[in-house]
Amino acid sequence: MKESIDLKWRDKMAFETEVNGHQIIVDAKEEVGGTDQGPPPKPLMMVALAGCTAMDVISILNKMRIQVEDFHVKIEGDLTEEHPKHFTAMHMIYEFKGIDLPMDKLERAVQLSQENYCGVSVSYKKAMRLTHEIRIL
C-alpha cells in the first residue's frame, strides 16, 4: 500500500496540496521569506501525532464504553538549535474530563494506541524519544 501527495509551489515559501479532498497550505513566517499563509511543516508533525493517537484513544474508549466529556492531546516538542533543525523528543499530554473516569482504562487506551495502533507514533519512535502523561481534569 502506498500513500502519495503532490505539493505545488504557490509563491515565495508557500506550497499547497490536497489530502483526501482537503486543501492544505504550508508556508514560512515573513521573517524567513514566507507570507504566513499556513503553518510551517514541523508543527504539522505534532498535529499528525496528536490526531493519530487521539482518534485511536477515543475509538478504544468507545469500545470500552467509557464516556468522556472533553478530551485534548497536547504535544510538546524539543527541536535542535542547529541545522538541520529536527525534533529530538515529543511529549504527549492526554487530558480527559468526565465523571468517574477509570485511570486504568485510560492508561490502557493510551498504551494500545502507542504500542499497537498509531502508525505515526511507531514511525516517530524510530527517530526520536516519545513520552506521555495522562491528566484527568
N, C-alpha and C. Protein backbone atom coordinates (compact mmCIF):
# COMPACT_ATOMS: atom_id res chain seq x y z
N MET A 1 0.85 -1.18 0.00
CA MET A 1 0.00 0.00 0.00
C MET A 1 0.89 1.24 0.00
N LYS A 2 0.55 2.18 -0.84
CA LYS A 2 1.30 3.43 -0.93
C LYS A 2 0.38 4.60 -0.69
N GLU A 3 0.93 5.64 -0.12
CA GLU A 3 0.26 6.94 0.02
C GLU A 3 1.07 7.93 -0.79
N SER A 4 0.44 8.95 -1.31
CA SER A 4 1.19 9.97 -2.02
C SER A 4 0.47 11.32 -1.92
N ILE A 5 1.25 12.37 -2.08
CA ILE A 5 0.71 13.72 -2.17
C ILE A 5 1.43 14.42 -3.31
N ASP A 6 0.88 15.52 -3.76
CA ASP A 6 1.50 16.37 -4.77
C ASP A 6 1.51 17.77 -4.19
N LEU A 7 2.69 18.24 -3.78
CA LEU A 7 2.85 19.56 -3.18
C LEU A 7 3.23 20.55 -4.27
N LYS A 8 2.42 21.59 -4.46
CA LYS A 8 2.62 22.56 -5.54
C LYS A 8 3.07 23.90 -4.96
N TRP A 9 4.09 24.46 -5.57
CA TRP A 9 4.58 25.76 -5.17
C TRP A 9 3.60 26.83 -5.58
N ARG A 10 3.23 27.71 -4.63
CA ARG A 10 2.34 28.85 -4.92
C ARG A 10 3.15 30.09 -5.23
N ASP A 11 3.90 30.55 -4.26
CA ASP A 11 4.80 31.70 -4.41
C ASP A 11 5.69 31.79 -3.17
N LYS A 12 6.76 32.52 -3.28
CA LYS A 12 7.73 32.69 -2.19
C LYS A 12 7.99 31.36 -1.49
N MET A 13 7.54 31.18 -0.24
CA MET A 13 7.76 29.94 0.51
C MET A 13 6.46 29.16 0.72
N ALA A 14 5.40 29.54 0.04
CA ALA A 14 4.09 28.90 0.22
C ALA A 14 3.90 27.76 -0.78
N PHE A 15 3.37 26.66 -0.25
CA PHE A 15 3.07 25.48 -1.06
C PHE A 15 1.68 24.99 -0.69
N GLU A 16 1.02 24.33 -1.63
CA GLU A 16 -0.30 23.78 -1.33
C GLU A 16 -0.39 22.34 -1.80
N THR A 17 -1.26 21.61 -1.14
CA THR A 17 -1.52 20.23 -1.52
C THR A 17 -2.97 19.92 -1.17
N GLU A 18 -3.43 18.81 -1.67
CA GLU A 18 -4.76 18.34 -1.33
C GLU A 18 -4.60 16.94 -0.74
N VAL A 19 -5.20 16.74 0.43
CA VAL A 19 -5.15 15.45 1.10
C VAL A 19 -6.58 14.97 1.31
N ASN A 20 -6.95 13.91 0.61
CA ASN A 20 -8.30 13.36 0.72
C ASN A 20 -9.38 14.43 0.55
N GLY A 21 -9.17 15.32 -0.41
CA GLY A 21 -10.16 16.35 -0.71
C GLY A 21 -10.06 17.60 0.15
N HIS A 22 -9.05 17.67 1.01
CA HIS A 22 -8.88 18.83 1.89
C HIS A 22 -7.62 19.59 1.49
N GLN A 23 -7.77 20.87 1.23
CA GLN A 23 -6.62 21.68 0.83
C GLN A 23 -5.80 22.05 2.06
N ILE A 24 -4.50 21.91 1.93
CA ILE A 24 -3.57 22.29 3.00
C ILE A 24 -2.51 23.20 2.39
N ILE A 25 -2.26 24.31 3.07
CA ILE A 25 -1.22 25.25 2.65
C ILE A 25 -0.15 25.26 3.74
N VAL A 26 1.10 25.10 3.34
CA VAL A 26 2.22 25.26 4.26
C VAL A 26 3.02 26.47 3.80
N ASP A 27 3.55 27.19 4.76
CA ASP A 27 4.29 28.41 4.44
C ASP A 27 5.27 28.68 5.57
N ALA A 28 6.07 29.70 5.37
CA ALA A 28 7.03 30.14 6.38
C ALA A 28 6.61 31.53 6.87
N LYS A 29 7.16 31.91 8.01
CA LYS A 29 6.89 33.24 8.54
C LYS A 29 7.59 34.28 7.68
N GLU A 30 7.10 35.51 7.76
CA GLU A 30 7.63 36.60 6.93
C GLU A 30 9.12 36.82 7.17
N GLU A 31 9.58 36.66 8.41
CA GLU A 31 10.99 36.95 8.70
C GLU A 31 11.97 35.97 8.03
N VAL A 32 11.45 34.86 7.50
CA VAL A 32 12.31 33.92 6.77
C VAL A 32 11.89 33.78 5.31
N GLY A 33 11.14 34.77 4.80
CA GLY A 33 10.83 34.80 3.38
C GLY A 33 9.45 34.31 2.98
N GLY A 34 8.63 33.92 3.94
CA GLY A 34 7.29 33.46 3.63
C GLY A 34 6.27 34.59 3.75
N THR A 35 5.01 34.21 3.61
CA THR A 35 3.92 35.18 3.76
C THR A 35 2.90 34.70 4.78
N ASP A 36 3.25 33.68 5.54
CA ASP A 36 2.43 33.16 6.65
C ASP A 36 1.01 32.80 6.21
N GLN A 37 0.90 32.14 5.04
CA GLN A 37 -0.42 31.72 4.53
C GLN A 37 -0.90 30.43 5.18
N GLY A 38 -0.01 29.75 5.88
CA GLY A 38 -0.36 28.49 6.52
C GLY A 38 0.72 28.12 7.51
N PRO A 39 0.52 27.04 8.24
CA PRO A 39 1.53 26.64 9.22
C PRO A 39 2.79 26.11 8.54
N PRO A 40 3.92 26.20 9.24
CA PRO A 40 5.14 25.57 8.72
C PRO A 40 5.08 24.05 8.93
N PRO A 41 5.91 23.31 8.23
CA PRO A 41 5.83 21.85 8.26
C PRO A 41 6.04 21.18 9.63
N LYS A 42 7.02 21.65 10.42
CA LYS A 42 7.33 20.92 11.67
C LYS A 42 6.16 20.85 12.66
N PRO A 43 5.41 21.93 12.89
CA PRO A 43 4.26 21.79 13.79
C PRO A 43 3.21 20.80 13.25
N LEU A 44 3.15 20.65 11.94
CA LEU A 44 2.22 19.66 11.38
C LEU A 44 2.62 18.24 11.74
N MET A 45 3.90 18.04 12.03
CA MET A 45 4.33 16.73 12.52
C MET A 45 3.67 16.44 13.88
N MET A 46 3.56 17.47 14.71
CA MET A 46 2.91 17.30 16.01
C MET A 46 1.41 17.09 15.83
N VAL A 47 0.82 17.79 14.86
CA VAL A 47 -0.61 17.61 14.57
C VAL A 47 -0.86 16.16 14.13
N ALA A 48 0.01 15.63 13.28
CA ALA A 48 -0.15 14.25 12.82
C ALA A 48 -0.11 13.27 13.98
N LEU A 49 0.83 13.46 14.89
CA LEU A 49 0.93 12.57 16.05
C LEU A 49 -0.29 12.70 16.95
N ALA A 50 -0.67 13.93 17.26
CA ALA A 50 -1.83 14.15 18.14
C ALA A 50 -3.10 13.59 17.53
N GLY A 51 -3.30 13.85 16.24
CA GLY A 51 -4.52 13.36 15.58
C GLY A 51 -4.58 11.85 15.54
N CYS A 52 -3.47 11.23 15.22
CA CYS A 52 -3.42 9.76 15.11
C CYS A 52 -3.75 9.11 16.45
N THR A 53 -3.06 9.52 17.49
CA THR A 53 -3.27 8.88 18.79
C THR A 53 -4.63 9.26 19.39
N ALA A 54 -5.08 10.49 19.18
CA ALA A 54 -6.38 10.91 19.72
C ALA A 54 -7.52 10.08 19.13
N MET A 55 -7.48 9.86 17.82
CA MET A 55 -8.52 9.04 17.18
C MET A 55 -8.51 7.62 17.72
N ASP A 56 -7.30 7.07 17.91
CA ASP A 56 -7.19 5.73 18.49
C ASP A 56 -7.81 5.68 19.88
N VAL A 57 -7.41 6.62 20.73
CA VAL A 57 -7.85 6.61 22.13
C VAL A 57 -9.37 6.72 22.22
N ILE A 58 -9.96 7.64 21.48
CA ILE A 58 -11.42 7.78 21.52
C ILE A 58 -12.11 6.51 21.02
N SER A 59 -11.59 5.93 19.97
CA SER A 59 -12.17 4.69 19.44
C SER A 59 -12.08 3.56 20.47
N ILE A 60 -10.93 3.43 21.11
CA ILE A 60 -10.75 2.38 22.11
C ILE A 60 -11.65 2.61 23.32
N LEU A 61 -11.73 3.86 23.78
CA LEU A 61 -12.59 4.16 24.93
C LEU A 61 -14.06 3.91 24.60
N ASN A 62 -14.48 4.21 23.37
CA ASN A 62 -15.86 3.92 22.97
C ASN A 62 -16.13 2.42 23.04
N LYS A 63 -15.17 1.61 22.59
CA LYS A 63 -15.34 0.15 22.66
C LYS A 63 -15.38 -0.33 24.10
N MET A 64 -14.69 0.38 25.01
CA MET A 64 -14.71 0.05 26.44
C MET A 64 -15.94 0.62 27.14
N ARG A 65 -16.75 1.37 26.39
CA ARG A 65 -17.94 2.04 26.91
C ARG A 65 -17.60 3.08 27.99
N ILE A 66 -16.46 3.73 27.79
CA ILE A 66 -16.05 4.82 28.67
C ILE A 66 -16.40 6.14 27.97
N GLN A 67 -17.22 6.95 28.62
CA GLN A 67 -17.67 8.22 28.05
C GLN A 67 -16.87 9.36 28.66
N VAL A 68 -16.23 10.15 27.83
CA VAL A 68 -15.53 11.34 28.29
C VAL A 68 -16.32 12.57 27.86
N GLU A 69 -16.26 13.61 28.68
CA GLU A 69 -16.94 14.86 28.36
C GLU A 69 -16.09 15.74 27.46
N ASP A 70 -14.78 15.68 27.68
CA ASP A 70 -13.86 16.50 26.91
C ASP A 70 -12.52 15.78 26.85
N PHE A 71 -11.77 16.00 25.78
CA PHE A 71 -10.51 15.30 25.58
C PHE A 71 -9.59 16.17 24.74
N HIS A 72 -8.36 16.31 25.19
CA HIS A 72 -7.33 17.04 24.46
C HIS A 72 -6.06 16.22 24.43
N VAL A 73 -5.32 16.32 23.35
CA VAL A 73 -3.95 15.81 23.30
C VAL A 73 -3.07 17.00 23.00
N LYS A 74 -2.18 17.29 23.92
CA LYS A 74 -1.22 18.38 23.73
C LYS A 74 0.14 17.75 23.46
N ILE A 75 0.89 18.37 22.57
CA ILE A 75 2.21 17.86 22.23
C ILE A 75 3.24 18.95 22.49
N GLU A 76 4.31 18.59 23.18
CA GLU A 76 5.44 19.48 23.38
C GLU A 76 6.63 18.84 22.67
N GLY A 77 7.26 19.58 21.77
CA GLY A 77 8.37 19.03 21.00
C GLY A 77 9.68 19.75 21.29
N ASP A 78 10.76 18.99 21.36
CA ASP A 78 12.10 19.55 21.55
C ASP A 78 12.83 19.55 20.22
N LEU A 79 13.20 20.75 19.76
CA LEU A 79 13.93 20.92 18.50
C LEU A 79 15.41 21.21 18.77
N THR A 80 16.25 20.75 17.87
CA THR A 80 17.67 21.09 17.96
C THR A 80 17.86 22.56 17.63
N GLU A 81 18.95 23.13 18.11
CA GLU A 81 19.27 24.53 17.83
C GLU A 81 19.94 24.68 16.46
N GLU A 82 20.69 23.65 16.06
CA GLU A 82 21.47 23.73 14.82
C GLU A 82 20.71 23.11 13.65
N HIS A 83 21.12 23.50 12.47
CA HIS A 83 20.53 22.96 11.24
C HIS A 83 21.16 21.62 10.90
N PRO A 84 20.45 20.69 10.35
CA PRO A 84 19.02 20.79 10.10
C PRO A 84 18.24 20.64 11.41
N LYS A 85 17.42 21.65 11.72
CA LYS A 85 16.63 21.61 12.95
C LYS A 85 15.62 20.47 12.86
N HIS A 86 15.62 19.64 13.89
CA HIS A 86 14.72 18.49 13.90
C HIS A 86 14.30 18.18 15.34
N PHE A 87 13.22 17.44 15.46
CA PHE A 87 12.75 17.05 16.78
C PHE A 87 13.63 15.93 17.34
N THR A 88 13.99 16.09 18.60
CA THR A 88 14.71 15.03 19.30
C THR A 88 13.78 14.30 20.26
N ALA A 89 12.67 14.93 20.60
CA ALA A 89 11.70 14.32 21.52
C ALA A 89 10.36 15.02 21.37
N MET A 90 9.30 14.24 21.65
CA MET A 90 7.95 14.79 21.76
C MET A 90 7.30 14.20 22.99
N HIS A 91 6.61 15.05 23.72
CA HIS A 91 5.90 14.63 24.92
C HIS A 91 4.41 14.87 24.70
N MET A 92 3.62 13.80 24.87
CA MET A 92 2.17 13.88 24.67
C MET A 92 1.49 13.99 26.03
N ILE A 93 0.58 14.93 26.13
CA ILE A 93 -0.21 15.11 27.35
C ILE A 93 -1.66 14.84 26.99
N TYR A 94 -2.19 13.76 27.53
CA TYR A 94 -3.58 13.37 27.29
C TYR A 94 -4.41 13.94 28.44
N GLU A 95 -5.33 14.84 28.12
CA GLU A 95 -6.18 15.46 29.14
C GLU A 95 -7.62 15.01 28.94
N PHE A 96 -8.17 14.41 29.98
CA PHE A 96 -9.54 13.90 29.95
C PHE A 96 -10.38 14.64 30.98
N LYS A 97 -11.64 14.84 30.62
CA LYS A 97 -12.60 15.39 31.56
C LYS A 97 -13.84 14.50 31.51
N GLY A 98 -14.35 14.15 32.68
CA GLY A 98 -15.53 13.32 32.76
C GLY A 98 -15.81 12.93 34.20
N ILE A 99 -16.88 12.19 34.37
CA ILE A 99 -17.29 11.76 35.71
C ILE A 99 -16.79 10.34 35.94
N ASP A 100 -16.09 10.15 37.07
CA ASP A 100 -15.60 8.83 37.49
C ASP A 100 -14.86 8.09 36.37
N LEU A 101 -13.91 8.76 35.75
CA LEU A 101 -13.13 8.13 34.68
C LEU A 101 -12.13 7.16 35.31
N PRO A 102 -12.13 5.91 34.88
CA PRO A 102 -11.20 4.92 35.44
C PRO A 102 -9.80 5.07 34.84
N MET A 103 -8.84 5.46 35.68
CA MET A 103 -7.47 5.70 35.20
C MET A 103 -6.88 4.47 34.52
N ASP A 104 -7.17 3.28 35.02
CA ASP A 104 -6.61 2.07 34.41
C ASP A 104 -7.07 1.89 32.96
N LYS A 105 -8.31 2.26 32.68
CA LYS A 105 -8.83 2.13 31.31
C LYS A 105 -8.25 3.22 30.41
N LEU A 106 -8.09 4.43 30.96
CA LEU A 106 -7.46 5.50 30.18
C LEU A 106 -6.02 5.12 29.83
N GLU A 107 -5.30 4.59 30.83
CA GLU A 107 -3.92 4.16 30.59
C GLU A 107 -3.86 3.05 29.54
N ARG A 108 -4.80 2.12 29.61
CA ARG A 108 -4.81 1.02 28.64
C ARG A 108 -5.09 1.54 27.22
N ALA A 109 -6.02 2.47 27.09
CA ALA A 109 -6.34 3.03 25.77
C ALA A 109 -5.12 3.75 25.18
N VAL A 110 -4.43 4.53 26.00
CA VAL A 110 -3.24 5.24 25.54
C VAL A 110 -2.15 4.23 25.17
N GLN A 111 -1.96 3.23 26.01
CA GLN A 111 -0.93 2.22 25.74
C GLN A 111 -1.21 1.49 24.42
N LEU A 112 -2.46 1.09 24.20
CA LEU A 112 -2.81 0.41 22.96
C LEU A 112 -2.55 1.30 21.75
N SER A 113 -2.88 2.57 21.87
CA SER A 113 -2.61 3.50 20.77
C SER A 113 -1.12 3.57 20.50
N GLN A 114 -0.34 3.80 21.55
CA GLN A 114 1.10 3.99 21.39
C GLN A 114 1.83 2.74 20.91
N GLU A 115 1.38 1.58 21.33
CA GLU A 115 2.12 0.35 21.03
C GLU A 115 1.55 -0.46 19.86
N ASN A 116 0.26 -0.30 19.57
CA ASN A 116 -0.36 -1.19 18.59
C ASN A 116 -1.00 -0.50 17.38
N TYR A 117 -1.49 0.72 17.54
CA TYR A 117 -2.33 1.28 16.50
C TYR A 117 -1.83 2.54 15.81
N CYS A 118 -1.19 3.43 16.52
CA CYS A 118 -0.82 4.72 15.93
C CYS A 118 0.45 4.59 15.09
N GLY A 119 0.26 4.57 13.78
CA GLY A 119 1.38 4.45 12.87
C GLY A 119 2.32 5.65 12.91
N VAL A 120 1.80 6.81 13.24
CA VAL A 120 2.66 7.99 13.36
C VAL A 120 3.60 7.81 14.54
N SER A 121 3.08 7.34 15.66
CA SER A 121 3.91 7.06 16.84
C SER A 121 5.02 6.06 16.51
N VAL A 122 4.65 4.99 15.87
CA VAL A 122 5.62 3.95 15.53
C VAL A 122 6.74 4.54 14.66
N SER A 123 6.38 5.35 13.69
CA SER A 123 7.37 5.97 12.81
C SER A 123 8.26 6.95 13.58
N TYR A 124 7.64 7.79 14.40
CA TYR A 124 8.41 8.80 15.14
C TYR A 124 9.35 8.17 16.16
N LYS A 125 8.94 7.06 16.78
CA LYS A 125 9.80 6.40 17.77
C LYS A 125 11.13 5.97 17.18
N LYS A 126 11.18 5.78 15.89
CA LYS A 126 12.43 5.39 15.22
C LYS A 126 13.37 6.58 15.09
N ALA A 127 12.84 7.79 15.23
CA ALA A 127 13.64 8.99 15.02
C ALA A 127 13.84 9.84 16.28
N MET A 128 13.01 9.64 17.30
CA MET A 128 13.09 10.50 18.49
C MET A 128 12.46 9.79 19.69
N ARG A 129 12.67 10.39 20.85
CA ARG A 129 12.10 9.87 22.09
C ARG A 129 10.66 10.39 22.22
N LEU A 130 9.72 9.47 22.48
CA LEU A 130 8.33 9.83 22.73
C LEU A 130 7.97 9.46 24.15
N THR A 131 7.35 10.39 24.85
CA THR A 131 6.87 10.14 26.21
C THR A 131 5.44 10.66 26.30
N HIS A 132 4.76 10.24 27.37
CA HIS A 132 3.39 10.74 27.55
C HIS A 132 3.00 10.76 29.02
N GLU A 133 1.94 11.48 29.28
CA GLU A 133 1.33 11.51 30.61
C GLU A 133 -0.17 11.66 30.42
N ILE A 134 -0.91 11.26 31.45
CA ILE A 134 -2.37 11.33 31.43
C ILE A 134 -2.81 12.22 32.58
N ARG A 135 -3.72 13.12 32.27
CA ARG A 135 -4.29 14.01 33.29
C ARG A 135 -5.81 13.91 33.24
N ILE A 136 -6.43 13.79 34.39
CA ILE A 136 -7.89 13.87 34.49
C ILE A 136 -8.19 15.25 35.08
N LEU A 137 -8.94 16.04 34.35
CA LEU A 137 -9.23 17.41 34.78
C LEU A 137 -10.52 17.48 35.58
